[in-house]
Amino acid sequence: MSAAIIDGRAVAAAIESELQARVARLGSAPLLAVVQVGNDPASTSYIRAKSRAAERVGVELTHHHLSANILLGELEALVEQLNSSEHGIIIQLPLPDGLEPALARIAPARDVDGFHPENLGKLLRGEPGLRPCTPAGIIELLERSGHSPAGKNAVIVGRSNIVGKPLAVMLTQANATVTVCHTGTADLAHHTRQAELLVVAAGRPDTVTPEMVRPGATVIDVGVNRTEGGLVGDCAPGVAEVAGALTPVPGGVGPMTVAMLMANAVAAQAD
């Protein structure tokens, strides 16, 4: 029996509809700047998706496409300018070597990616603030699809600052009992088989195979891996025959990440 599909596109569409109504009440469009350095194809694709979502919601998105040869000082000067003119700012990753310090120049109130140390500190303390988009999207997806993490034994595979670490905090705040696994975990399968809720964010195809999944578990596949056969997640195809519910790739977590980015942009304008 195949797992029920958790449709991220449908949930994201519902969130966008709510945001449209909220923007209409604000009376003016939130202003969002997306800064791209260089011509990474994946970045271009992601920005295209963000632009389409912004148009649907009513966010005014401006794309600043810069040369890969830009100097750090020039990039930092642009960020300082945008801090004064925009409600939200994204610097699309990856960045060329040496430009990462510009990320710290984004004002916390403009940091719609939710990665500024001040925003991460508020997350850890349970205070209101802009949340990292992918973890926030996962929580929304679980709650809105009837798979609340409350009381569940949750296992996260991956400890990145983008997904694993902030998600562990959010799941704990949602009353799950959380285990974080990583490349240093001995006997990964032992831990994943205990999970009622399994989140796989390792960035590698086939990280989790069917025998590693507890029958009936809810599995959130965060991976987006480009292969000759197209986009695949971090879970092997056979996982769908063991899990009780599963997010597809594409169409699962990805649309939720974009929807939560729009939610942060609207929140930044409202605040």
Protein backbone atom coordinates (compact mmCIF):
# COMPACT_ATOMS: atom_id res chain seq x y z
CA MET A 1 0.00 0.00 0.00
CA SER A 2 1.50 3.31 -1.11
CA ALA A 3 1.87 6.31 1.18
CA ALA A 4 -0.64 9.12 1.09
CA ILE A 5 0.85 12.11 -0.70
CA ILE A 6 1.21 15.31 1.30
CA ASP A 7 0.54 17.95 -1.37
CA GLY A 8 2.77 20.95 -0.73
CA ARG A 9 1.46 22.78 -3.79
CA ALA A 10 -2.12 22.72 -2.49
CA VAL A 11 -1.15 23.89 1.00
CA ALA A 12 1.10 26.62 -0.44
CA ALA A 13 -1.76 27.82 -2.64
CA ALA A 14 -3.99 28.14 0.43
CA ILE A 15 -1.31 30.18 2.23
CA GLU A 16 -0.88 32.43 -0.81
CA SER A 17 -4.61 33.06 -0.88
CA GLU A 18 -4.50 34.14 2.76
CA LEU A 19 -1.55 36.41 2.02
CA GLN A 20 -3.36 38.02 -0.91
CA ALA A 21 -6.15 39.05 1.45
CA ARG A 22 -3.66 40.34 4.00
CA VAL A 23 -1.80 42.42 1.40
CA ALA A 24 -5.11 43.91 0.27
CA ARG A 25 -5.79 45.02 3.85
CA LEU A 26 -2.31 46.58 4.12
CA GLY A 27 -3.15 48.96 1.31
CA SER A 28 0.29 48.89 -0.31
CA ALA A 29 2.53 46.17 -1.70
CA PRO A 30 5.38 44.79 0.40
CA LEU A 31 8.71 45.54 -1.29
CA LEU A 32 11.07 42.59 -1.67
CA ALA A 33 14.58 42.77 -3.16
CA VAL A 34 16.29 39.62 -4.42
CA VAL A 35 20.03 39.95 -5.02
CA GLN A 36 21.69 37.41 -7.32
CA VAL A 37 25.44 37.35 -7.88
CA GLY A 38 26.58 35.40 -10.94
CA ASN A 39 24.62 33.02 -13.13
CA ASP A 40 24.11 29.83 -11.15
CA PRO A 41 21.29 28.00 -13.03
CA ALA A 42 19.65 26.68 -9.87
CA SER A 43 19.58 30.18 -8.38
CA THR A 44 17.97 31.55 -11.52
CA SER A 45 15.31 28.84 -11.34
CA TYR A 46 14.59 29.53 -7.67
CA ILE A 47 14.31 33.27 -8.26
CA ARG A 48 11.88 32.65 -11.10
CA ALA A 49 9.66 30.66 -8.73
CA LYS A 50 9.85 33.42 -6.12
CA SER A 51 8.96 36.06 -8.72
CA ARG A 52 5.87 34.13 -9.79
CA ALA A 53 4.76 33.68 -6.18
CA ALA A 54 5.32 37.37 -5.43
CA GLU A 55 3.13 38.32 -8.38
CA ARG A 56 0.35 36.02 -7.19
CA VAL A 57 0.42 37.34 -3.63
CA GLY A 58 0.86 41.03 -4.46
CA VAL A 59 4.46 41.46 -3.32
CA GLU A 60 6.54 43.86 -5.44
CA LEU A 61 9.76 41.95 -6.14
CA THR A 62 12.86 43.60 -7.62
CA HIS A 63 15.63 41.35 -8.97
CA HIS A 64 19.14 42.77 -8.69
CA HIS A 65 21.32 40.58 -10.92
CA LEU A 66 25.00 41.35 -10.34
CA SER A 67 28.25 40.24 -11.93
CA ALA A 68 30.17 37.42 -10.24
CA ASN A 69 33.15 39.82 -10.21
CA ILE A 70 31.49 42.36 -7.92
CA LEU A 71 33.59 43.50 -4.97
CA LEU A 72 32.48 42.82 -1.40
CA GLY A 73 32.31 46.54 -0.65
CA GLU A 74 30.01 47.12 -3.62
CA LEU A 75 27.68 44.33 -2.55
CA GLU A 76 27.62 45.59 1.04
CA ALA A 77 26.82 49.10 -0.18
CA LEU A 78 23.85 47.76 -2.15
CA VAL A 79 22.57 45.88 0.89
CA GLU A 80 22.80 49.02 3.04
CA GLN A 81 20.84 50.92 0.39
CA LEU A 82 18.17 48.21 0.27
CA ASN A 83 17.88 48.23 4.07
CA SER A 84 16.53 51.76 3.71
CA SER A 85 14.22 51.22 0.75
CA GLU A 86 12.79 47.67 0.96
CA HIS A 87 10.72 45.71 3.45
CA GLY A 88 12.53 42.44 2.73
CA ILE A 89 15.93 41.43 1.30
CA ILE A 90 17.24 38.09 0.04
CA ILE A 91 20.78 37.41 -1.10
CA GLN A 92 20.42 34.27 -3.15
CA LEU A 93 22.90 31.53 -2.28
CA PRO A 94 25.41 30.27 -3.26
CA LEU A 95 27.67 33.32 -3.36
CA PRO A 96 31.13 33.52 -4.95
CA ASP A 97 33.97 33.09 -2.47
CA GLY A 98 34.64 36.10 -0.29
CA LEU A 99 31.18 37.66 -0.51
CA GLU A 100 29.49 35.89 2.41
CA PRO A 101 30.15 38.77 4.88
CA ALA A 102 27.53 40.79 2.98
CA LEU A 103 24.83 38.53 4.43
CA ALA A 104 25.45 40.01 7.88
CA ARG A 105 24.69 43.50 6.54
CA ILE A 106 21.01 42.65 6.04
CA ALA A 107 19.03 44.29 8.85
CA PRO A 108 17.26 41.69 11.04
CA ALA A 109 13.87 43.27 10.28
CA ARG A 110 14.56 42.90 6.52
CA ASP A 111 15.94 39.34 6.76
CA VAL A 112 13.05 37.43 5.18
CA ASP A 113 15.20 34.30 4.85
CA GLY A 114 15.26 34.22 8.65
CA PHE A 115 18.97 33.47 8.98
CA HIS A 116 20.25 36.56 10.79
CA PRO A 117 21.70 35.66 14.22
CA GLU A 118 19.16 37.95 15.89
CA ASN A 119 16.24 36.16 14.22
CA LEU A 120 17.70 32.74 15.04
CA GLY A 121 18.12 33.87 18.64
CA LYS A 122 14.45 34.88 18.78
CA LEU A 123 13.53 31.47 17.39
CA LEU A 124 15.54 29.71 20.09
CA ARG A 125 13.91 31.84 22.79
CA GLY A 126 10.42 31.28 21.38
CA GLU A 127 9.94 34.98 20.63
CA PRO A 128 8.10 36.37 17.58
CA GLY A 129 10.32 37.00 14.56
CA LEU A 130 11.10 36.06 10.98
CA ARG A 131 11.57 32.29 10.75
CA PRO A 132 13.77 30.29 8.32
CA CYS A 133 11.47 29.49 5.43
CA THR A 134 11.98 25.77 4.84
CA PRO A 135 11.59 24.70 8.50
CA ALA A 136 8.61 27.04 8.90
CA GLY A 137 7.10 25.59 5.74
CA ILE A 138 7.52 22.04 7.07
CA ILE A 139 5.70 22.92 10.28
CA GLU A 140 2.85 24.56 8.36
CA LEU A 141 2.64 21.60 5.99
CA LEU A 142 2.41 19.12 8.85
CA GLU A 143 -0.22 21.08 10.73
CA ARG A 144 -2.38 21.90 7.72
CA SER A 145 -2.28 18.37 6.30
CA GLY A 146 -3.39 16.71 9.51
CA HIS A 147 0.01 15.40 10.59
CA SER A 148 0.64 17.45 13.72
CA PRO A 149 4.05 16.74 15.26
CA ALA A 150 2.70 17.11 18.81
CA GLY A 151 3.56 14.06 20.91
CA LYS A 152 5.42 12.39 18.04
CA ASN A 153 8.87 10.85 18.06
CA ALA A 154 10.54 12.95 15.34
CA VAL A 155 13.89 12.23 13.69
CA ILE A 156 15.70 14.73 11.47
CA VAL A 157 18.44 13.52 9.14
CA GLY A 158 20.65 16.58 8.59
CA ARG A 159 22.00 19.30 10.89
CA SER A 160 22.39 22.29 8.56
CA ASN A 161 21.79 25.84 9.72
CA ILE A 162 19.21 26.17 6.94
CA VAL A 163 16.98 23.19 7.79
CA GLY A 164 18.08 20.70 10.44
CA LYS A 165 19.01 22.90 13.38
CA PRO A 166 16.14 25.43 13.20
CA LEU A 167 13.64 22.66 12.45
CA ALA A 168 14.75 20.79 15.58
CA VAL A 169 13.88 23.88 17.62
CA MET A 170 10.50 24.34 15.91
CA LEU A 171 9.51 20.70 16.31
CA THR A 172 10.47 20.82 19.99
CA GLN A 173 8.32 23.93 20.39
CA ALA A 174 5.51 21.99 18.69
CA ASN A 175 5.83 19.34 21.44
CA ALA A 176 7.59 16.64 19.41
CA THR A 177 10.46 14.66 20.91
CA VAL A 178 13.34 15.28 18.52
CA THR A 179 16.46 13.36 17.53
CA VAL A 180 18.91 14.98 15.09
CA CYS A 181 21.06 12.60 13.01
CA HIS A 182 24.00 13.48 10.78
CA THR A 183 27.14 12.15 9.10
CA GLY A 184 28.61 11.30 12.50
CA THR A 185 25.62 9.23 13.60
CA ALA A 186 26.38 5.58 14.25
CA ASP A 187 23.71 3.21 12.86
CA LEU A 188 21.49 5.79 11.22
CA ALA A 189 18.87 3.17 10.40
CA HIS A 190 18.38 2.38 14.08
CA HIS A 191 17.28 5.95 14.71
CA THR A 192 15.17 6.42 11.58
CA ARG A 193 13.21 3.24 12.30
CA GLN A 194 12.06 4.76 15.61
CA ALA A 195 10.57 7.82 13.92
CA GLU A 196 6.85 8.41 13.72
CA LEU A 197 7.84 11.61 11.89
CA LEU A 198 10.97 11.40 9.73
CA VAL A 199 12.45 14.49 8.05
CA VAL A 200 15.23 13.79 5.55
CA ALA A 201 17.39 16.82 4.72
CA ALA A 202 20.77 15.31 3.88
CA GLY A 203 21.18 16.59 0.31
CA ARG A 204 21.96 13.18 -1.14
CA PRO A 205 19.72 10.77 -3.11
CA ASP A 206 18.83 7.45 -1.49
CA THR A 207 19.96 8.57 1.97
CA VAL A 208 16.91 6.80 3.41
CA THR A 209 15.86 3.46 1.95
CA PRO A 210 12.64 1.50 2.64
CA GLU A 211 14.11 -0.73 5.34
CA MET A 212 15.13 2.39 7.29
CA VAL A 213 11.53 3.61 7.67
CA ARG A 214 9.04 2.67 10.36
CA PRO A 215 5.87 1.32 8.69
CA GLY A 216 3.20 4.01 8.60
CA ALA A 217 5.58 6.87 9.44
CA THR A 218 5.09 10.38 8.10
CA VAL A 219 8.11 11.18 5.93
CA ILE A 220 9.08 14.70 4.86
CA ASP A 221 11.62 14.60 2.03
CA VAL A 222 13.44 17.95 1.89
CA GLY A 223 16.03 16.92 -0.71
CA VAL A 224 16.21 18.47 -4.17
CA ASN A 225 18.85 16.62 -6.16
CA ARG A 226 19.35 17.19 -9.86
CA THR A 227 20.07 13.89 -11.65
CA GLU A 228 20.04 12.71 -15.23
CA GLY A 229 16.56 11.38 -14.57
CA GLY A 230 15.31 14.71 -13.21
CA LEU A 231 14.73 16.06 -9.73
CA VAL A 232 14.75 13.50 -6.93
CA GLY A 233 14.63 13.76 -3.17
CA ASP A 234 16.76 12.20 -0.45
CA CYS A 235 14.48 9.17 -0.07
CA ALA A 236 14.70 6.10 -2.29
CA PRO A 237 11.56 5.44 -4.38
CA GLY A 238 10.58 2.38 -2.34
CA VAL A 239 10.02 4.50 0.77
CA ALA A 240 6.56 5.29 -0.60
CA GLU A 241 5.61 1.63 -0.10
CA VAL A 242 6.44 1.71 3.63
CA ALA A 243 5.55 5.22 4.82
CA GLY A 244 2.03 6.18 5.78
CA ALA A 245 2.40 9.67 4.29
CA LEU A 246 5.13 11.22 2.16
CA THR A 247 5.96 14.54 0.52
CA PRO A 248 6.74 14.29 -3.22
CA VAL A 249 9.78 15.79 -4.94
CA PRO A 250 9.01 18.12 -6.60
CA GLY A 251 5.73 19.43 -5.19
CA GLY A 252 6.24 18.88 -1.47
CA VAL A 253 8.50 21.07 0.64
CA GLY A 254 9.67 23.33 -2.20
CA PRO A 255 6.39 25.24 -2.72
CA MET A 256 6.08 25.64 1.05
CA THR A 257 9.51 27.27 1.28
CA VAL A 258 8.47 29.87 -1.29
CA ALA A 259 5.10 30.43 0.40
CA MET A 260 6.77 31.07 3.75
CA LEU A 261 9.19 33.49 2.11
CA MET A 262 6.17 35.45 0.90
CA ALA A 263 4.68 35.24 4.39
CA ASN A 264 7.88 36.72 5.84
CA ALA A 265 7.86 39.50 3.25
CA VAL A 266 4.29 40.42 4.15
CA ALA A 267 5.10 40.24 7.87
CA ALA A 268 8.13 42.49 7.38
CA GLN A 269 5.97 45.12 5.69
CA ALA A 270 3.25 44.87 8.32
CA ASP A 271 5.76 45.31 11.14
